[in-house]
Amino acid sequence: MKLKTYLEENNHTQMSFIELINMATGIKIPQGTFAKWITGSRIPRKKEVLMLHKITEGKVQPNDFYIN
């Protein structure tokens, strides 16, 4: 599932999900970077992809950032 779809289905804004990431992992993701992940103009690094996979309980897969 694309990150954008996950956010929409779970009623998250970019900022609310960024806050969730920060609370769960202590990692601070800049909003501009997160927006690029959603639009597909930037692919998260391995560590970030694995973190997103864990936080979304496996709904956002690493391949989701590579396959249109």
N, C-alpha and C. Protein backbone atom coordinates (compact mmCIF):
# COMPACT_ATOMS: atom_id res chain seq x y z
N MET A 1 0.85 -1.16 0.00
CA MET A 1 0.00 0.00 0.00
C MET A 1 0.90 1.24 0.00
N LYS A 2 0.57 2.18 -0.82
CA LYS A 2 1.31 3.44 -0.87
C LYS A 2 1.14 4.20 0.46
N LEU A 3 2.15 4.94 0.83
CA LEU A 3 2.11 5.70 2.08
C LEU A 3 0.95 6.69 2.07
N LYS A 4 0.72 7.34 0.94
CA LYS A 4 -0.38 8.30 0.83
C LYS A 4 -1.72 7.62 1.10
N THR A 5 -1.91 6.44 0.54
CA THR A 5 -3.15 5.68 0.75
C THR A 5 -3.31 5.30 2.21
N TYR A 6 -2.21 4.87 2.83
CA TYR A 6 -2.25 4.51 4.25
C TYR A 6 -2.70 5.70 5.09
N LEU A 7 -2.14 6.87 4.83
CA LEU A 7 -2.51 8.06 5.59
C LEU A 7 -3.99 8.39 5.42
N GLU A 8 -4.47 8.30 4.19
CA GLU A 8 -5.88 8.61 3.92
C GLU A 8 -6.80 7.61 4.62
N GLU A 9 -6.49 6.33 4.52
CA GLU A 9 -7.35 5.30 5.11
C GLU A 9 -7.35 5.33 6.63
N ASN A 10 -6.29 5.84 7.22
CA ASN A 10 -6.18 5.88 8.68
C ASN A 10 -6.36 7.28 9.24
N ASN A 11 -6.87 8.18 8.42
CA ASN A 11 -7.20 9.55 8.83
C ASN A 11 -6.02 10.27 9.49
N HIS A 12 -4.84 10.13 8.90
CA HIS A 12 -3.66 10.83 9.37
C HIS A 12 -3.35 12.00 8.44
N THR A 13 -2.93 13.10 9.03
CA THR A 13 -2.33 14.17 8.25
C THR A 13 -0.83 13.87 8.23
N GLN A 14 -0.11 14.59 7.41
CA GLN A 14 1.34 14.40 7.40
C GLN A 14 1.92 14.68 8.78
N MET A 15 1.48 15.76 9.39
CA MET A 15 2.03 16.15 10.69
C MET A 15 1.65 15.15 11.79
N SER A 16 0.43 14.63 11.76
CA SER A 16 0.05 13.67 12.80
C SER A 16 0.85 12.38 12.68
N PHE A 17 1.16 11.97 11.45
CA PHE A 17 1.94 10.76 11.26
C PHE A 17 3.41 11.00 11.62
N ILE A 18 3.91 12.18 11.31
CA ILE A 18 5.28 12.53 11.70
C ILE A 18 5.41 12.52 13.22
N GLU A 19 4.40 13.02 13.91
CA GLU A 19 4.41 13.00 15.37
C GLU A 19 4.36 11.57 15.90
N LEU A 20 3.57 10.72 15.24
CA LEU A 20 3.50 9.30 15.62
C LEU A 20 4.87 8.64 15.47
N ILE A 21 5.55 8.91 14.38
CA ILE A 21 6.89 8.37 14.15
C ILE A 21 7.83 8.84 15.27
N ASN A 22 7.77 10.11 15.59
CA ASN A 22 8.63 10.68 16.62
C ASN A 22 8.36 10.03 17.97
N MET A 23 7.10 9.85 18.32
CA MET A 23 6.76 9.23 19.60
C MET A 23 7.18 7.76 19.65
N ALA A 24 7.01 7.06 18.55
CA ALA A 24 7.30 5.63 18.52
C ALA A 24 8.78 5.31 18.44
N THR A 25 9.55 6.17 17.76
CA THR A 25 10.95 5.83 17.50
C THR A 25 11.94 6.87 17.99
N GLY A 26 11.48 8.08 18.25
CA GLY A 26 12.39 9.16 18.62
C GLY A 26 13.05 9.81 17.42
N ILE A 27 12.69 9.36 16.21
CA ILE A 27 13.25 9.90 14.98
C ILE A 27 12.41 11.09 14.52
N LYS A 28 13.08 12.19 14.22
CA LYS A 28 12.37 13.37 13.73
C LYS A 28 12.54 13.45 12.21
N ILE A 29 11.43 13.34 11.50
CA ILE A 29 11.42 13.41 10.05
C ILE A 29 10.96 14.82 9.65
N PRO A 30 11.74 15.54 8.87
CA PRO A 30 11.29 16.86 8.40
C PRO A 30 10.03 16.72 7.52
N GLN A 31 9.12 17.65 7.66
CA GLN A 31 7.86 17.58 6.91
C GLN A 31 8.12 17.59 5.41
N GLY A 32 9.08 18.36 4.96
CA GLY A 32 9.40 18.42 3.53
C GLY A 32 9.87 17.07 3.00
N THR A 33 10.67 16.39 3.77
CA THR A 33 11.15 15.05 3.39
C THR A 33 9.99 14.09 3.33
N PHE A 34 9.13 14.12 4.34
CA PHE A 34 7.98 13.23 4.38
C PHE A 34 7.06 13.47 3.18
N ALA A 35 6.86 14.73 2.83
CA ALA A 35 6.02 15.06 1.67
C ALA A 35 6.60 14.47 0.39
N LYS A 36 7.93 14.48 0.26
CA LYS A 36 8.57 13.90 -0.92
C LYS A 36 8.39 12.39 -0.96
N TRP A 37 8.37 11.73 0.21
CA TRP A 37 8.11 10.29 0.25
C TRP A 37 6.70 10.01 -0.27
N ILE A 38 5.75 10.85 0.12
CA ILE A 38 4.35 10.64 -0.28
C ILE A 38 4.18 10.85 -1.78
N THR A 39 4.82 11.86 -2.33
CA THR A 39 4.66 12.13 -3.77
C THR A 39 5.52 11.21 -4.63
N GLY A 40 6.46 10.53 -4.02
CA GLY A 40 7.32 9.62 -4.78
C GLY A 40 8.53 10.29 -5.39
N SER A 41 8.76 11.55 -5.05
CA SER A 41 9.93 12.23 -5.60
C SER A 41 11.21 11.89 -4.85
N ARG A 42 11.06 11.22 -3.72
CA ARG A 42 12.20 10.75 -2.95
C ARG A 42 11.84 9.42 -2.30
N ILE A 43 12.79 8.50 -2.28
CA ILE A 43 12.57 7.19 -1.66
C ILE A 43 13.29 7.18 -0.31
N PRO A 44 12.59 6.76 0.74
CA PRO A 44 13.24 6.70 2.05
C PRO A 44 14.43 5.74 2.04
N ARG A 45 15.37 5.99 2.92
CA ARG A 45 16.51 5.09 3.08
C ARG A 45 16.04 3.79 3.73
N LYS A 46 16.89 2.78 3.69
CA LYS A 46 16.53 1.46 4.22
C LYS A 46 16.01 1.54 5.65
N LYS A 47 16.72 2.25 6.51
CA LYS A 47 16.32 2.38 7.92
C LYS A 47 14.92 3.00 8.03
N GLU A 48 14.66 4.00 7.21
CA GLU A 48 13.37 4.69 7.24
C GLU A 48 12.24 3.81 6.69
N VAL A 49 12.54 3.06 5.63
CA VAL A 49 11.54 2.16 5.05
C VAL A 49 11.16 1.09 6.06
N LEU A 50 12.14 0.53 6.74
CA LEU A 50 11.87 -0.49 7.75
C LEU A 50 11.07 0.08 8.92
N MET A 51 11.35 1.32 9.29
CA MET A 51 10.60 1.98 10.34
C MET A 51 9.14 2.18 9.93
N LEU A 52 8.92 2.62 8.68
CA LEU A 52 7.55 2.81 8.19
C LEU A 52 6.81 1.48 8.14
N HIS A 53 7.50 0.43 7.73
CA HIS A 53 6.90 -0.90 7.68
C HIS A 53 6.44 -1.33 9.07
N LYS A 54 7.27 -1.09 10.06
CA LYS A 54 6.94 -1.47 11.44
C LYS A 54 5.78 -0.63 11.98
N ILE A 55 5.84 0.68 11.80
CA ILE A 55 4.81 1.57 12.34
C ILE A 55 3.45 1.31 11.70
N THR A 56 3.44 0.97 10.41
CA THR A 56 2.17 0.72 9.71
C THR A 56 1.74 -0.74 9.84
N GLU A 57 2.43 -1.50 10.67
CA GLU A 57 2.13 -2.91 10.90
C GLU A 57 2.16 -3.71 9.60
N GLY A 58 3.12 -3.40 8.76
CA GLY A 58 3.33 -4.14 7.53
C GLY A 58 2.47 -3.73 6.35
N LYS A 59 1.63 -2.73 6.53
CA LYS A 59 0.75 -2.32 5.44
C LYS A 59 1.50 -1.55 4.36
N VAL A 60 2.50 -0.77 4.75
CA VAL A 60 3.35 -0.09 3.78
C VAL A 60 4.63 -0.91 3.67
N GLN A 61 4.81 -1.53 2.51
CA GLN A 61 5.94 -2.42 2.25
C GLN A 61 7.08 -1.64 1.57
N PRO A 62 8.31 -2.10 1.72
CA PRO A 62 9.42 -1.43 1.01
C PRO A 62 9.18 -1.34 -0.49
N ASN A 63 8.64 -2.38 -1.11
CA ASN A 63 8.39 -2.36 -2.56
C ASN A 63 7.39 -1.28 -2.97
N ASP A 64 6.56 -0.85 -2.07
CA ASP A 64 5.56 0.18 -2.38
C ASP A 64 6.20 1.49 -2.82
N PHE A 65 7.45 1.71 -2.46
CA PHE A 65 8.13 2.94 -2.85
C PHE A 65 8.78 2.81 -4.22
N TYR A 66 8.87 1.60 -4.74
CA TYR A 66 9.54 1.35 -6.02
C TYR A 66 8.58 1.00 -7.15
N ILE A 67 7.44 0.42 -6.80
CA ILE A 67 6.49 -0.04 -7.81
C ILE A 67 5.36 0.97 -7.91
N ASN A 68 5.08 1.43 -9.13
CA ASN A 68 3.99 2.40 -9.33
C ASN A 68 2.73 1.67 -9.30
